[in-house]
Amino acid sequence: MEKIFNKLVRDNIPNIIEKNGEKAFTKILSDEEYKIELEKKLNEEYKEVLSSSGKDRIEELSDMLEIIKCLAELENSTLDEVIETAREKSLKRGSFKNKIYLEKTTD
């Protein structure tokens, strides 16, 4: 039986498929195709984060983190640099931990 996926998968997935007795048909993406597929994958994982909780949510968040790491590498950066930028932004503008919900402003 043929199953169509047409999506970016983790590097070891084709080997896992082969070990399960199936044949995996793959291709290597160009950098532009890779970026597009990473962005699609980020959106997919975002939806999975929203629909999960507990340990499952942590698993989905880890998938998002891996995608963010790969996107950073495409920008000639690193996950560490993304985390440092987030830390600096948090120091400058704050975090979201105080649960502040801005309703409106007036002048």
PDB file of N, CA and C in Angstrom:
ATOM      1  N   MET A   1       0.834  -1.177   0.000  1.00  0.00           N
ATOM      2  CA  MET A   1       0.000   0.000   0.000  1.00  0.00           C
ATOM      3  C   MET A   1       0.885   1.249   0.000  1.00  0.00           C
ATOM      4  N   GLU A   2       0.565   2.178  -0.840  1.00  0.00           N
ATOM      5  CA  GLU A   2       1.326   3.418  -0.964  1.00  0.00           C
ATOM      6  C   GLU A   2       0.730   4.490  -0.052  1.00  0.00           C
ATOM      7  N   LYS A   3       1.599   5.171   0.716  1.00  0.00           N
ATOM      8  CA  LYS A   3       1.191   6.302   1.548  1.00  0.00           C
ATOM      9  C   LYS A   3       1.974   7.521   1.090  1.00  0.00           C
ATOM     10  N   ILE A   4       1.283   8.608   0.790  1.00  0.00           N
ATOM     11  CA  ILE A   4       1.914   9.842   0.333  1.00  0.00           C
ATOM     12  C   ILE A   4       2.081  10.777   1.522  1.00  0.00           C
ATOM     13  N   PHE A   5       3.287  11.303   1.711  1.00  0.00           N
ATOM     14  CA  PHE A   5       3.557  12.214   2.814  1.00  0.00           C
ATOM     15  C   PHE A   5       3.905  13.622   2.317  1.00  0.00           C
ATOM     16  N   ASN A   6       4.811  13.718   1.372  1.00  0.00           N
ATOM     17  CA  ASN A   6       5.242  15.008   0.827  1.00  0.00           C
ATOM     18  C   ASN A   6       5.505  16.035   1.920  1.00  0.00           C
ATOM     19  N   LYS A   7       6.420  15.712   2.825  1.00  0.00           N
ATOM     20  CA  LYS A   7       6.766  16.647   3.887  1.00  0.00           C
ATOM     21  C   LYS A   7       8.187  16.391   4.375  1.00  0.00           C
ATOM     22  N   LEU A   8       8.749  17.408   4.980  1.00  0.00           N
ATOM     23  CA  LEU A   8      10.069  17.319   5.581  1.00  0.00           C
ATOM     24  C   LEU A   8      10.002  16.405   6.795  1.00  0.00           C
ATOM     25  N   VAL A   9      10.969  15.504   6.897  1.00  0.00           N
ATOM     26  CA  VAL A   9      11.032  14.596   8.048  1.00  0.00           C
ATOM     27  C   VAL A   9      12.424  14.638   8.662  1.00  0.00           C
ATOM     28  N   ARG A  10      12.500  14.195   9.900  1.00  0.00           N
ATOM     29  CA  ARG A  10      13.797  14.112  10.573  1.00  0.00           C
ATOM     30  C   ARG A  10      14.721  13.152   9.821  1.00  0.00           C
ATOM     31  N   ASP A  11      16.016  13.379   9.961  1.00  0.00           N
ATOM     32  CA  ASP A  11      17.028  12.674   9.169  1.00  0.00           C
ATOM     33  C   ASP A  11      16.978  11.148   9.278  1.00  0.00           C
ATOM     34  N   ASN A  12      16.596  10.616  10.420  1.00  0.00           N
ATOM     35  CA  ASN A  12      16.612   9.159  10.608  1.00  0.00           C
ATOM     36  C   ASN A  12      15.318   8.469  10.207  1.00  0.00           C
ATOM     37  N   ILE A  13      14.308   9.221   9.831  1.00  0.00           N
ATOM     38  CA  ILE A  13      13.008   8.630   9.494  1.00  0.00           C
ATOM     39  C   ILE A  13      13.097   7.642   8.320  1.00  0.00           C
ATOM     40  N   PRO A  14      13.801   7.957   7.227  1.00  0.00           N
ATOM     41  CA  PRO A  14      13.883   6.955   6.148  1.00  0.00           C
ATOM     42  C   PRO A  14      14.474   5.613   6.617  1.00  0.00           C
ATOM     43  N   ASN A  15      15.497   5.654   7.470  1.00  0.00           N
ATOM     44  CA  ASN A  15      16.081   4.413   7.991  1.00  0.00           C
ATOM     45  C   ASN A  15      15.089   3.649   8.858  1.00  0.00           C
ATOM     46  N   ILE A  16      14.327   4.358   9.649  1.00  0.00           N
ATOM     47  CA  ILE A  16      13.319   3.721  10.506  1.00  0.00           C
ATOM     48  C   ILE A  16      12.253   3.058   9.634  1.00  0.00           C
ATOM     49  N   ILE A  17      11.851   3.738   8.580  1.00  0.00           N
ATOM     50  CA  ILE A  17      10.859   3.179   7.651  1.00  0.00           C
ATOM     51  C   ILE A  17      11.392   1.898   7.019  1.00  0.00           C
ATOM     52  N   GLU A  18      12.651   1.941   6.578  1.00  0.00           N
ATOM     53  CA  GLU A  18      13.276   0.767   5.942  1.00  0.00           C
ATOM     54  C   GLU A  18      13.371  -0.403   6.931  1.00  0.00           C
ATOM     55  N   LYS A  19      13.703  -0.110   8.187  1.00  0.00           N
ATOM     56  CA  LYS A  19      13.793  -1.165   9.208  1.00  0.00           C
ATOM     57  C   LYS A  19      12.441  -1.801   9.482  1.00  0.00           C
ATOM     58  N   ASN A  20      11.374  -1.044   9.215  1.00  0.00           N
ATOM     59  CA  ASN A  20      10.021  -1.571   9.384  1.00  0.00           C
ATOM     60  C   ASN A  20       9.521  -2.307   8.147  1.00  0.00           C
ATOM     61  N   GLY A  21      10.423  -2.531   7.183  1.00  0.00           N
ATOM     62  CA  GLY A  21      10.082  -3.326   6.017  1.00  0.00           C
ATOM     63  C   GLY A  21       9.428  -2.567   4.874  1.00  0.00           C
ATOM     64  N   GLU A  22       9.417  -1.255   4.966  1.00  0.00           N
ATOM     65  CA  GLU A  22       8.847  -0.445   3.895  1.00  0.00           C
ATOM     66  C   GLU A  22       9.966   0.219   3.112  1.00  0.00           C
ATOM     67  N   LYS A  23       9.651   0.714   1.941  1.00  0.00           N
ATOM     68  CA  LYS A  23      10.608   1.444   1.107  1.00  0.00           C
ATOM     69  C   LYS A  23      10.271   2.927   1.190  1.00  0.00           C
ATOM     70  N   ALA A  24      11.275   3.742   1.495  1.00  0.00           N
ATOM     71  CA  ALA A  24      11.091   5.192   1.579  1.00  0.00           C
ATOM     72  C   ALA A  24      11.622   5.847   0.311  1.00  0.00           C
ATOM     73  N   PHE A  25      10.830   6.652  -0.326  1.00  0.00           N
ATOM     74  CA  PHE A  25      11.229   7.417  -1.500  1.00  0.00           C
ATOM     75  C   PHE A  25      11.452   8.856  -1.051  1.00  0.00           C
ATOM     76  N   THR A  26      12.678   9.336  -1.190  1.00  0.00           N
ATOM     77  CA  THR A  26      13.050  10.654  -0.678  1.00  0.00           C
ATOM     78  C   THR A  26      13.771  11.458  -1.745  1.00  0.00           C
ATOM     79  N   LYS A  27      13.956  12.730  -1.458  1.00  0.00           N
ATOM     80  CA  LYS A  27      14.800  13.586  -2.282  1.00  0.00           C
ATOM     81  C   LYS A  27      15.453  14.606  -1.357  1.00  0.00           C
ATOM     82  N   ILE A  28      16.544  15.184  -1.801  1.00  0.00           N
ATOM     83  CA  ILE A  28      17.229  16.242  -1.055  1.00  0.00           C
ATOM     84  C   ILE A  28      16.740  17.578  -1.589  1.00  0.00           C
ATOM     85  N   LEU A  29      16.323  18.447  -0.683  1.00  0.00           N
ATOM     86  CA  LEU A  29      15.772  19.744  -1.065  1.00  0.00           C
ATOM     87  C   LEU A  29      16.860  20.774  -1.321  1.00  0.00           C
ATOM     88  N   SER A  30      16.561  21.736  -2.171  1.00  0.00           N
ATOM     89  CA  SER A  30      17.436  22.905  -2.311  1.00  0.00           C
ATOM     90  C   SER A  30      17.285  23.741  -1.045  1.00  0.00           C
ATOM     91  N   ASP A  31      18.172  24.711  -0.858  1.00  0.00           N
ATOM     92  CA  ASP A  31      18.085  25.573   0.323  1.00  0.00           C
ATOM     93  C   ASP A  31      16.758  26.313   0.378  1.00  0.00           C
ATOM     94  N   GLU A  32      16.274  26.796  -0.758  1.00  0.00           N
ATOM     95  CA  GLU A  32      15.000  27.522  -0.786  1.00  0.00           C
ATOM     96  C   GLU A  32      13.830  26.595  -0.466  1.00  0.00           C
ATOM     97  N   GLU A  33      13.830  25.387  -1.057  1.00  0.00           N
ATOM     98  CA  GLU A  33      12.781  24.407  -0.753  1.00  0.00           C
ATOM     99  C   GLU A  33      12.833  24.016   0.725  1.00  0.00           C
ATOM    100  N   TYR A  34      14.041  23.845   1.237  1.00  0.00           N
ATOM    101  CA  TYR A  34      14.254  23.477   2.639  1.00  0.00           C
ATOM    102  C   TYR A  34      13.658  24.537   3.570  1.00  0.00           C
ATOM    103  N   LYS A  35      13.918  25.801   3.280  1.00  0.00           N
ATOM    104  CA  LYS A  35      13.384  26.895   4.091  1.00  0.00           C
ATOM    105  C   LYS A  35      11.856  26.875   4.082  1.00  0.00           C
ATOM    106  N   ILE A  36      11.279  26.708   2.927  1.00  0.00           N
ATOM    107  CA  ILE A  36       9.811  26.651   2.795  1.00  0.00           C
ATOM    108  C   ILE A  36       9.248  25.483   3.605  1.00  0.00           C
ATOM    109  N   GLU A  37       9.874  24.335   3.490  1.00  0.00           N
ATOM    110  CA  GLU A  37       9.392  23.143   4.197  1.00  0.00           C
ATOM    111  C   GLU A  37       9.591  23.262   5.709  1.00  0.00           C
ATOM    112  N   LEU A  38      10.691  23.897   6.137  1.00  0.00           N
ATOM    113  CA  LEU A  38      10.870  24.142   7.572  1.00  0.00           C
ATOM    114  C   LEU A  38       9.767  25.046   8.110  1.00  0.00           C
ATOM    115  N   GLU A  39       9.411  26.059   7.338  1.00  0.00           N
ATOM    116  CA  GLU A  39       8.348  26.969   7.760  1.00  0.00           C
ATOM    117  C   GLU A  39       7.007  26.239   7.837  1.00  0.00           C
ATOM    118  N   LYS A  40       6.738  25.357   6.882  1.00  0.00           N
ATOM    119  CA  LYS A  40       5.515  24.546   6.938  1.00  0.00           C
ATOM    120  C   LYS A  40       5.534  23.649   8.173  1.00  0.00           C
ATOM    121  N   LYS A  41       6.696  23.066   8.436  1.00  0.00           N
ATOM    122  CA  LYS A  41       6.834  22.160   9.575  1.00  0.00           C
ATOM    123  C   LYS A  41       6.652  22.920  10.889  1.00  0.00           C
ATOM    124  N   LEU A  42       7.168  24.134  10.959  1.00  0.00           N
ATOM    125  CA  LEU A  42       7.000  24.960  12.154  1.00  0.00           C
ATOM    126  C   LEU A  42       5.510  25.209  12.407  1.00  0.00           C
ATOM    127  N   ASN A  43       4.762  25.499  11.365  1.00  0.00           N
ATOM    128  CA  ASN A  43       3.323  25.707  11.489  1.00  0.00           C
ATOM    129  C   ASN A  43       2.613  24.424  11.930  1.00  0.00           C
ATOM    130  N   GLU A  44       3.024  23.300  11.361  1.00  0.00           N
ATOM    131  CA  GLU A  44       2.452  22.000  11.731  1.00  0.00           C
ATOM    132  C   GLU A  44       2.692  21.719  13.215  1.00  0.00           C
ATOM    133  N   GLU A  45       3.921  21.930  13.660  1.00  0.00           N
ATOM    134  CA  GLU A  45       4.257  21.673  15.065  1.00  0.00           C
ATOM    135  C   GLU A  45       3.549  22.655  15.993  1.00  0.00           C
ATOM    136  N   TYR A  46       3.390  23.906  15.549  1.00  0.00           N
ATOM    137  CA  TYR A  46       2.663  24.900  16.330  1.00  0.00           C
ATOM    138  C   TYR A  46       1.245  24.409  16.622  1.00  0.00           C
ATOM    139  N   LYS A  47       0.575  23.897  15.600  1.00  0.00           N
ATOM    140  CA  LYS A  47      -0.783  23.379  15.777  1.00  0.00           C
ATOM    141  C   LYS A  47      -0.794  22.195  16.736  1.00  0.00           C
ATOM    142  N   GLU A  48       0.236  21.356  16.634  1.00  0.00           N
ATOM    143  CA  GLU A  48       0.324  20.196  17.528  1.00  0.00           C
ATOM    144  C   GLU A  48       0.587  20.629  18.965  1.00  0.00           C
ATOM    145  N   VAL A  49       1.365  21.683  19.165  1.00  0.00           N
ATOM    146  CA  VAL A  49       1.589  22.223  20.509  1.00  0.00           C
ATOM    147  C   VAL A  49       0.258  22.678  21.101  1.00  0.00           C
ATOM    148  N   LEU A  50      -0.528  23.395  20.318  1.00  0.00           N
ATOM    149  CA  LEU A  50      -1.801  23.925  20.813  1.00  0.00           C
ATOM    150  C   LEU A  50      -2.791  22.828  21.189  1.00  0.00           C
ATOM    151  N   SER A  51      -2.698  21.696  20.529  1.00  0.00           N
ATOM    152  CA  SER A  51      -3.666  20.623  20.786  1.00  0.00           C
ATOM    153  C   SER A  51      -3.141  19.562  21.753  1.00  0.00           C
ATOM    154  N   SER A  52      -1.998  19.815  22.377  1.00  0.00           N
ATOM    155  CA  SER A  52      -1.423  18.826  23.285  1.00  0.00           C
ATOM    156  C   SER A  52      -1.254  19.411  24.690  1.00  0.00           C
ATOM    157  N   SER A  53      -0.911  18.540  25.619  1.00  0.00           N
ATOM    158  CA  SER A  53      -0.638  18.982  26.988  1.00  0.00           C
ATOM    159  C   SER A  53       0.319  18.000  27.652  1.00  0.00           C
ATOM    160  N   GLY A  54       0.834  18.407  28.802  1.00  0.00           N
ATOM    161  CA  GLY A  54       1.715  17.538  29.574  1.00  0.00           C
ATOM    162  C   GLY A  54       2.967  17.145  28.817  1.00  0.00           C
ATOM    163  N   LYS A  55       3.334  15.867  28.926  1.00  0.00           N
ATOM    164  CA  LYS A  55       4.541  15.363  28.260  1.00  0.00           C
ATOM    165  C   LYS A  55       4.441  15.463  26.749  1.00  0.00           C
ATOM    166  N   ASP A  56       3.243  15.293  26.213  1.00  0.00           N
ATOM    167  CA  ASP A  56       3.058  15.422  24.758  1.00  0.00           C
ATOM    168  C   ASP A  56       3.381  16.839  24.303  1.00  0.00           C
ATOM    169  N   ARG A  57       2.983  17.835  25.077  1.00  0.00           N
ATOM    170  CA  ARG A  57       3.282  19.229  24.720  1.00  0.00           C
ATOM    171  C   ARG A  57       4.790  19.469  24.750  1.00  0.00           C
ATOM    172  N   ILE A  58       5.469  18.915  25.725  1.00  0.00           N
ATOM    173  CA  ILE A  58       6.929  19.063  25.802  1.00  0.00           C
ATOM    174  C   ILE A  58       7.577  18.448  24.567  1.00  0.00           C
ATOM    175  N   GLU A  59       7.073  17.298  24.151  1.00  0.00           N
ATOM    176  CA  GLU A  59       7.575  16.629  22.940  1.00  0.00           C
ATOM    177  C   GLU A  59       7.388  17.525  21.709  1.00  0.00           C
ATOM    178  N   GLU A  60       6.228  18.127  21.579  1.00  0.00           N
ATOM    179  CA  GLU A  60       5.945  19.004  20.439  1.00  0.00           C
ATOM    180  C   GLU A  60       6.780  20.283  20.505  1.00  0.00           C
ATOM    181  N   LEU A  61       6.959  20.827  21.696  1.00  0.00           N
ATOM    182  CA  LEU A  61       7.816  22.004  21.848  1.00  0.00           C
ATOM    183  C   LEU A  61       9.254  21.680  21.461  1.00  0.00           C
ATOM    184  N   SER A  62       9.700  20.474  21.774  1.00  0.00           N
ATOM    185  CA  SER A  62      11.065  20.082  21.388  1.00  0.00           C
ATOM    186  C   SER A  62      11.187  19.994  19.871  1.00  0.00           C
ATOM    187  N   ASP A  63      10.127  19.553  19.203  1.00  0.00           N
ATOM    188  CA  ASP A  63      10.130  19.541  17.734  1.00  0.00           C
ATOM    189  C   ASP A  63      10.242  20.966  17.192  1.00  0.00           C
ATOM    190  N   MET A  64       9.498  21.886  17.795  1.00  0.00           N
ATOM    191  CA  MET A  64       9.576  23.288  17.363  1.00  0.00           C
ATOM    192  C   MET A  64      10.985  23.838  17.561  1.00  0.00           C
ATOM    193  N   LEU A  65      11.595  23.476  18.680  1.00  0.00           N
ATOM    194  CA  LEU A  65      12.948  23.943  18.968  1.00  0.00           C
ATOM    195  C   LEU A  65      13.946  23.438  17.927  1.00  0.00           C
ATOM    196  N   GLU A  66      13.802  22.208  17.516  1.00  0.00           N
ATOM    197  CA  GLU A  66      14.675  21.641  16.483  1.00  0.00           C
ATOM    198  C   GLU A  66      14.506  22.395  15.167  1.00  0.00           C
ATOM    199  N   ILE A  67      13.271  22.727  14.829  1.00  0.00           N
ATOM    200  CA  ILE A  67      13.005  23.477  13.599  1.00  0.00           C
ATOM    201  C   ILE A  67      13.589  24.882  13.694  1.00  0.00           C
ATOM    202  N   ILE A  68      13.434  25.510  14.842  1.00  0.00           N
ATOM    203  CA  ILE A  68      14.010  26.847  15.052  1.00  0.00           C
ATOM    204  C   ILE A  68      15.522  26.797  14.906  1.00  0.00           C
ATOM    205  N   LYS A  69      16.128  25.748  15.431  1.00  0.00           N
ATOM    206  CA  LYS A  69      17.583  25.575  15.291  1.00  0.00           C
ATOM    207  C   LYS A  69      17.982  25.498  13.817  1.00  0.00           C
ATOM    208  N   CYS A  70      17.241  24.728  13.034  1.00  0.00           N
ATOM    209  CA  CYS A  70      17.544  24.592  11.604  1.00  0.00           C
ATOM    210  C   CYS A  70      17.313  25.896  10.853  1.00  0.00           C
ATOM    211  N   LEU A  71      16.247  26.616  11.194  1.00  0.00           N
ATOM    212  CA  LEU A  71      15.992  27.918  10.565  1.00  0.00           C
ATOM    213  C   LEU A  71      17.099  28.912  10.905  1.00  0.00           C
ATOM    214  N   ALA A  72      17.578  28.884  12.136  1.00  0.00           N
ATOM    215  CA  ALA A  72      18.681  29.766  12.530  1.00  0.00           C
ATOM    216  C   ALA A  72      19.933  29.446  11.724  1.00  0.00           C
ATOM    217  N   GLU A  73      20.205  28.174  11.513  1.00  0.00           N
ATOM    218  CA  GLU A  73      21.373  27.770  10.726  1.00  0.00           C
ATOM    219  C   GLU A  73      21.277  28.278   9.291  1.00  0.00           C
ATOM    220  N   LEU A  74      20.054  28.315   8.742  1.00  0.00           N
ATOM    221  CA  LEU A  74      19.875  28.865   7.393  1.00  0.00           C
ATOM    222  C   LEU A  74      20.194  30.359   7.348  1.00  0.00           C
ATOM    223  N   GLU A  75      20.092  31.020   8.498  1.00  0.00           N
ATOM    224  CA  GLU A  75      20.423  32.443   8.602  1.00  0.00           C
ATOM    225  C   GLU A  75      21.858  32.642   9.089  1.00  0.00           C
ATOM    226  N   ASN A  76      22.670  31.593   8.982  1.00  0.00           N
ATOM    227  CA  ASN A  76      24.062  31.609   9.431  1.00  0.00           C
ATOM    228  C   ASN A  76      24.174  31.981  10.907  1.00  0.00           C
ATOM    229  N   SER A  77      23.285  31.421  11.705  1.00  0.00           N
ATOM    230  CA  SER A  77      23.260  31.665  13.132  1.00  0.00           C
ATOM    231  C   SER A  77      23.166  30.322  13.853  1.00  0.00           C
ATOM    232  N   THR A  78      22.960  30.398  15.161  1.00  0.00           N
ATOM    233  CA  THR A  78      22.863  29.183  15.963  1.00  0.00           C
ATOM    234  C   THR A  78      21.687  29.302  16.922  1.00  0.00           C
ATOM    235  N   LEU A  79      21.269  28.171  17.463  1.00  0.00           N
ATOM    236  CA  LEU A  79      20.234  28.176  18.478  1.00  0.00           C
ATOM    237  C   LEU A  79      20.701  28.966  19.698  1.00  0.00           C
ATOM    238  N   ASP A  80      21.971  28.843  20.044  1.00  0.00           N
ATOM    239  CA  ASP A  80      22.502  29.606  21.169  1.00  0.00           C
ATOM    240  C   ASP A  80      22.340  31.109  20.949  1.00  0.00           C
ATOM    241  N   GLU A  81      22.556  31.558  19.713  1.00  0.00           N
ATOM    242  CA  GLU A  81      22.391  32.980  19.415  1.00  0.00           C
ATOM    243  C   GLU A  81      20.918  33.389  19.519  1.00  0.00           C
ATOM    244  N   VAL A  82      20.020  32.524  19.070  1.00  0.00           N
ATOM    245  CA  VAL A  82      18.590  32.800  19.204  1.00  0.00           C
ATOM    246  C   VAL A  82      18.218  32.907  20.680  1.00  0.00           C
ATOM    247  N   ILE A  83      18.714  31.992  21.488  1.00  0.00           N
ATOM    248  CA  ILE A  83      18.422  32.005  22.919  1.00  0.00           C
ATOM    249  C   ILE A  83      19.012  33.245  23.577  1.00  0.00           C
ATOM    250  N   GLU A  84      20.218  33.625  23.200  1.00  0.00           N
ATOM    251  CA  GLU A  84      20.837  34.834  23.751  1.00  0.00           C
ATOM    252  C   GLU A  84      20.056  36.079  23.342  1.00  0.00           C
ATOM    253  N   THR A  85      19.608  36.135  22.096  1.00  0.00           N
ATOM    254  CA  THR A  85      18.794  37.258  21.632  1.00  0.00           C
ATOM    255  C   THR A  85      17.491  37.329  22.420  1.00  0.00           C
ATOM    256  N   ALA A  86      16.891  36.184  22.677  1.00  0.00           N
ATOM    257  CA  ALA A  86      15.664  36.132  23.477  1.00  0.00           C
ATOM    258  C   ALA A  86      15.928  36.615  24.901  1.00  0.00           C
ATOM    259  N   ARG A  87      17.067  36.222  25.462  1.00  0.00           N
ATOM    260  CA  ARG A  87      17.432  36.648  26.818  1.00  0.00           C
ATOM    261  C   ARG A  87      17.595  38.159  26.872  1.00  0.00           C
ATOM    262  N   GLU A  88      18.311  38.710  25.886  1.00  0.00           N
ATOM    263  CA  GLU A  88      18.517  40.164  25.832  1.00  0.00           C
ATOM    264  C   GLU A  88      17.184  40.905  25.663  1.00  0.00           C
ATOM    265  N   LYS A  89      16.335  40.385  24.815  1.00  0.00           N
ATOM    266  CA  LYS A  89      15.029  41.009  24.601  1.00  0.00           C
ATOM    267  C   LYS A  89      14.190  40.943  25.872  1.00  0.00           C
ATOM    268  N   SER A  90      14.278  39.826  26.583  1.00  0.00           N
ATOM    269  CA  SER A  90      13.557  39.673  27.840  1.00  0.00           C
ATOM    270  C   SER A  90      14.042  40.677  28.881  1.00  0.00           C
ATOM    271  N   LEU A  91      15.351  40.888  28.929  1.00  0.00           N
ATOM    272  CA  LEU A  91      15.900  41.869  29.871  1.00  0.00           C
ATOM    273  C   LEU A  91      15.447  43.283  29.518  1.00  0.00           C
ATOM    274  N   LYS A  92      15.386  43.580  28.242  1.00  0.00           N
ATOM    275  CA  LYS A  92      15.031  44.923  27.778  1.00  0.00           C
ATOM    276  C   LYS A  92      13.522  45.181  27.836  1.00  0.00           C
ATOM    277  N   ARG A  93      12.728  44.229  27.358  1.00  0.00           N
ATOM    278  CA  ARG A  93      11.286  44.443  27.217  1.00  0.00           C
ATOM    279  C   ARG A  93      10.437  43.584  28.146  1.00  0.00           C
ATOM    280  N   GLY A  94      11.083  42.683  28.861  1.00  0.00           N
ATOM    281  CA  GLY A  94      10.361  41.796  29.765  1.00  0.00           C
ATOM    282  C   GLY A  94       9.989  40.486  29.108  1.00  0.00           C
ATOM    283  N   SER A  95       9.417  39.614  29.919  1.00  0.00           N
ATOM    284  CA  SER A  95       8.966  38.310  29.455  1.00  0.00           C
ATOM    285  C   SER A  95       7.447  38.358  29.302  1.00  0.00           C
ATOM    286  N   PHE A  96       6.803  37.220  29.397  1.00  0.00           N
ATOM    287  CA  PHE A  96       5.345  37.133  29.392  1.00  0.00           C
ATOM    288  C   PHE A  96       4.854  36.497  30.689  1.00  0.00           C
ATOM    289  N   LYS A  97       5.746  36.324  31.650  1.00  0.00           N
ATOM    290  CA  LYS A  97       5.451  35.598  32.882  1.00  0.00           C
ATOM    291  C   LYS A  97       4.433  36.292  33.773  1.00  0.00           C
ATOM    292  N   ASN A  98       4.297  37.622  33.677  1.00  0.00           N
ATOM    293  CA  ASN A  98       3.351  38.349  34.518  1.00  0.00           C
ATOM    294  C   ASN A  98       1.935  38.339  33.970  1.00  0.00           C
ATOM    295  N   LYS A  99       1.747  37.674  32.844  1.00  0.00           N
ATOM    296  CA  LYS A  99       0.415  37.460  32.256  1.00  0.00           C
ATOM    297  C   LYS A  99      -0.308  38.762  31.941  1.00  0.00           C
ATOM    298  N   ILE A 100       0.423  39.807  31.565  1.00  0.00           N
ATOM    299  CA  ILE A 100      -0.173  41.106  31.277  1.00  0.00           C
ATOM    300  C   ILE A 100      -0.877  41.070  29.939  1.00  0.00           C
ATOM    301  N   TYR A 101      -2.126  41.465  29.948  1.00  0.00           N
ATOM    302  CA  TYR A 101      -2.972  41.489  28.742  1.00  0.00           C
ATOM    303  C   TYR A 101      -3.335  42.943  28.477  1.00  0.00           C
ATOM    304  N   LEU A 102      -2.778  43.533  27.431  1.00  0.00           N
ATOM    305  CA  LEU A 102      -3.018  44.929  27.100  1.00  0.00           C
ATOM    306  C   LEU A 102      -4.355  45.051  26.367  1.00  0.00           C
ATOM    307  N   GLU A 103      -5.295  45.736  26.993  1.00  0.00           N
ATOM    308  CA  GLU A 103      -6.620  45.901  26.391  1.00  0.00           C
ATOM    309  C   GLU A 103      -6.664  47.048  25.408  1.00  0.00           C
ATOM    310  N   LYS A 104      -6.082  48.207  25.768  1.00  0.00           N
ATOM    311  CA  LYS A 104      -6.091  49.340  24.857  1.00  0.00           C
ATOM    312  C   LYS A 104      -5.189  50.432  25.409  1.00  0.00           C
ATOM    313  N   THR A 105      -4.963  51.439  24.608  1.00  0.00           N
ATOM    314  CA  THR A 105      -4.263  52.639  25.049  1.00  0.00           C
ATOM    315  C   THR A 105      -5.074  53.846  24.579  1.00  0.00           C
ATOM    316  N   THR A 106      -4.800  54.974  25.165  1.00  0.00           N
ATOM    317  CA  THR A 106      -5.423  56.229  24.731  1.00  0.00           C
ATOM    318  C   THR A 106      -4.347  57.293  24.655  1.00  0.00           C
ATOM    319  N   ASP A 107      -4.610  58.336  23.896  1.00  0.00           N
ATOM    320  CA  ASP A 107      -3.652  59.446  23.843  1.00  0.00           C
ATOM    321  C   ASP A 107      -4.283  60.724  24.361  1.00  0.00           C
TER     322      ASP A 107
END
